[in-house]
C-alpha atoms as a PDB file:
ATOM      1  CA  UNK A   1      -9.017   0.973  -6.350  1.00  0.00           C
ATOM      2  CA  UNK A   2     -12.095  -0.574  -4.660  1.00  0.00           C
ATOM      3  CA  UNK A   3     -12.581  -1.582  -1.062  1.00  0.00           C
ATOM      4  CA  UNK A   4     -11.362  -5.140  -0.278  1.00  0.00           C
ATOM      5  CA  UNK A   5     -12.075  -7.607   2.444  1.00  0.00           C
ATOM      6  CA  UNK A   6      -9.784 -10.339   3.850  1.00  0.00           C
ATOM      7  CA  UNK A   7      -9.832 -12.783   6.864  1.00  0.00           C
ATOM      8  CA  UNK A   8      -7.182 -12.821   9.574  1.00  0.00           C
ATOM      9  CA  UNK A   9      -4.686 -15.500   8.712  1.00  0.00           C
ATOM     10  CA  UNK A  10      -5.510 -15.415   4.977  1.00  0.00           C
ATOM     11  CA  UNK A  11      -2.535 -15.338   2.651  1.00  0.00           C
ATOM     12  CA  UNK A  12      -3.013 -13.361  -0.588  1.00  0.00           C
ATOM     13  CA  UNK A  13      -0.787 -12.904  -3.655  1.00  0.00           C
ATOM     14  CA  UNK A  14      -1.328  -9.455  -5.062  1.00  0.00           C
ATOM     15  CA  UNK A  15      -0.322  -9.279  -8.779  1.00  0.00           C
ATOM     16  CA  UNK A  16       0.159  -5.573  -9.693  1.00  0.00           C
ATOM     17  CA  UNK A  17       0.561  -4.077 -13.137  1.00  0.00           C
ATOM     18  CA  UNK A  18       1.371  -0.431 -13.693  1.00  0.00           C
ATOM     19  CA  UNK A  19      -0.420   0.259 -16.957  1.00  0.00           C
ATOM     20  CA  UNK A  20       0.225   4.019 -16.502  1.00  0.00           C
ATOM     21  CA  UNK A  21       2.770   6.288 -18.104  1.00  0.00           C
ATOM     22  CA  UNK A  22       4.431   7.221 -14.766  1.00  0.00           C
ATOM     23  CA  UNK A  23       5.721   5.283 -11.764  1.00  0.00           C
ATOM     24  CA  UNK A  24       3.382   4.139  -9.010  1.00  0.00           C
ATOM     25  CA  UNK A  25       3.321   1.898  -6.103  1.00  0.00           C
ATOM     26  CA  UNK A  26       0.987  -0.530  -4.370  1.00  0.00           C
ATOM     27  CA  UNK A  27       1.284  -0.226  -0.671  1.00  0.00           C
ATOM     28  CA  UNK A  28      -0.486  -1.836   2.244  1.00  0.00           C
ATOM     29  CA  UNK A  29      -0.499   0.443   5.233  1.00  0.00           C
ATOM     30  CA  UNK A  30      -2.862   1.952   7.832  1.00  0.00           C
ATOM     31  CA  UNK A  31      -4.175   5.416   8.563  1.00  0.00           C
ATOM     32  CA  UNK A  32      -1.701   6.220  11.213  1.00  0.00           C
ATOM     33  CA  UNK A  33       1.380   5.344   9.071  1.00  0.00           C
ATOM     34  CA  UNK A  34      -0.038   7.142   6.065  1.00  0.00           C
ATOM     35  CA  UNK A  35      -0.855  10.325   8.176  1.00  0.00           C
ATOM     36  CA  UNK A  36       2.754  10.339   9.446  1.00  0.00           C
ATOM     37  CA  UNK A  37       4.035   9.942   5.879  1.00  0.00           C
ATOM     38  CA  UNK A  38       1.899  12.672   4.587  1.00  0.00           C
ATOM     39  CA  UNK A  39       2.668  15.059   7.452  1.00  0.00           C
ATOM     40  CA  UNK A  40       6.420  14.514   6.659  1.00  0.00           C
ATOM     41  CA  UNK A  41       5.860  15.703   3.120  1.00  0.00           C
ATOM     42  CA  UNK A  42       6.941  12.427   1.582  1.00  0.00           C
ATOM     43  CA  UNK A  43      10.450  13.186   2.768  1.00  0.00           C
ATOM     44  CA  UNK A  44      10.883   9.577   3.798  1.00  0.00           C
ATOM     45  CA  UNK A  45       9.879   8.101   0.575  1.00  0.00           C
ATOM     46  CA  UNK A  46      12.122   6.164  -1.746  1.00  0.00           C
ATOM     47  CA  UNK A  47      11.939   2.882  -3.700  1.00  0.00           C
ATOM     48  CA  UNK A  48      13.156   0.782  -0.718  1.00  0.00           C
ATOM     49  CA  UNK A  49      10.391   1.649   1.715  1.00  0.00           C
ATOM     50  CA  UNK A  50       9.707   3.720   4.750  1.00  0.00           C
ATOM     51  CA  UNK A  51      12.390   2.689   7.180  1.00  0.00           C
ATOM     52  CA  UNK A  52      10.854  -0.460   8.666  1.00  0.00           C
ATOM     53  CA  UNK A  53       7.503   1.047   9.516  1.00  0.00           C
ATOM     54  CA  UNK A  54       5.630  -2.175   8.769  1.00  0.00           C
ATOM     55  CA  UNK A  55       4.203  -1.384   5.332  1.00  0.00           C
ATOM     56  CA  UNK A  56       4.618  -3.782   2.438  1.00  0.00           C
ATOM     57  CA  UNK A  57       4.717  -2.535  -1.105  1.00  0.00           C
ATOM     58  CA  UNK A  58       5.856  -2.953  -4.575  1.00  0.00           C
ATOM     59  CA  UNK A  59       7.203   0.041  -6.511  1.00  0.00           C
ATOM     60  CA  UNK A  60       6.711   0.041 -10.251  1.00  0.00           C
ATOM     61  CA  UNK A  61       7.928   2.109 -13.150  1.00  0.00           C
ATOM     62  CA  UNK A  62       5.612   2.651 -16.100  1.00  0.00           C
ATOM     63  CA  UNK A  63       4.820  -0.657 -17.833  1.00  0.00           C
ATOM     64  CA  UNK A  64       6.318  -2.862 -14.952  1.00  0.00           C
ATOM     65  CA  UNK A  65       4.492  -5.526 -13.000  1.00  0.00           C
ATOM     66  CA  UNK A  66       5.282  -7.062  -9.587  1.00  0.00           C
ATOM     67  CA  UNK A  67       3.679  -8.934  -6.753  1.00  0.00           C
ATOM     68  CA  UNK A  68       3.266  -8.975  -3.030  1.00  0.00           C
ATOM     69  CA  UNK A  69       2.615 -12.062  -0.910  1.00  0.00           C
ATOM     70  CA  UNK A  70       0.889 -11.069   2.335  1.00  0.00           C
ATOM     71  CA  UNK A  71      -0.584 -12.983   5.280  1.00  0.00           C
ATOM     72  CA  UNK A  72      -3.036 -10.811   7.113  1.00  0.00           C
ATOM     73  CA  UNK A  73      -2.627 -10.934  10.843  1.00  0.00           C
ATOM     74  CA  UNK A  74      -5.199 -11.026  13.744  1.00  0.00           C
ATOM     75  CA  UNK A  75      -4.346  -7.339  14.181  1.00  0.00           C
ATOM     76  CA  UNK A  76      -7.138  -5.940  12.076  1.00  0.00           C
ATOM     77  CA  UNK A  77      -5.751  -2.367  12.306  1.00  0.00           C
ATOM     78  CA  UNK A  78      -2.225  -3.296  10.881  1.00  0.00           C
ATOM     79  CA  UNK A  79      -3.302  -2.956   7.264  1.00  0.00           C
ATOM     80  CA  UNK A  80      -6.383  -0.785   6.658  1.00  0.00           C
ATOM     81  CA  UNK A  81      -5.588   0.779   3.341  1.00  0.00           C
ATOM     82  CA  UNK A  82      -4.008   0.076  -0.014  1.00  0.00           C
ATOM     83  CA  UNK A  83      -2.490   3.145  -1.563  1.00  0.00           C
ATOM     84  CA  UNK A  84       0.020   4.806  -3.807  1.00  0.00           C
ATOM     85  CA  UNK A  85       2.076   7.240  -1.535  1.00  0.00           C
ATOM     86  CA  UNK A  86       4.218   8.777  -4.325  1.00  0.00           C
ATOM     87  CA  UNK A  87       3.816  12.559  -3.971  1.00  0.00           C
ATOM     88  CA  UNK A  88       0.381  13.663  -5.169  1.00  0.00           C
ATOM     89  CA  UNK A  89      -0.941  10.179  -5.793  1.00  0.00           C
ATOM     90  CA  UNK A  90      -2.717   9.602  -2.433  1.00  0.00           C
ATOM     91  CA  UNK A  91      -4.159  12.959  -2.662  1.00  0.00           C
ATOM     92  CA  UNK A  92      -5.545  12.097  -6.121  1.00  0.00           C
ATOM     93  CA  UNK A  93      -7.481   9.315  -4.408  1.00  0.00           C
ATOM     94  CA  UNK A  94      -5.208   6.400  -5.373  1.00  0.00           C
ATOM     95  CA  UNK A  95      -6.328   4.458  -2.361  1.00  0.00           C
ATOM     96  CA  UNK A  96      -8.713   1.842  -1.100  1.00  0.00           C
ATOM     97  CA  UNK A  97      -9.930   0.648   2.364  1.00  0.00           C
ATOM     98  CA  UNK A  98      -8.914  -2.824   3.450  1.00  0.00           C
ATOM     99  CA  UNK A  99     -11.153  -4.685   5.916  1.00  0.00           C
ATOM    100  CA  UNK A 100      -9.705  -7.594   7.840  1.00  0.00           C
ATOM    101  CA  UNK A 101     -12.067  -9.754   9.840  1.00  0.00           C
ATOM    102  CA  UNK A 102     -11.110 -12.261  12.630  1.00  0.00           C
END
């Protein structure tokens, strides 16, 4: 993944394709929520989300595709990273910075 820039108020349709041989996810989050998740050892992870923490994501099995429609808010710290938080994936650098400008 490469770093990506958006403007506050911008609505973006992310079309995501898992071309890999294993499951992945595409998640918009921030450093604080990701750190909490990693400190918890992925215990809260399932295909339905992280218990209302504010992340948006699409979970994809091998060969699947999906999409996310997101409007970026004026809170430029709400989404600061795109990542796959399946065990070991974030640690394998499956992440990118998101920069939202007002």
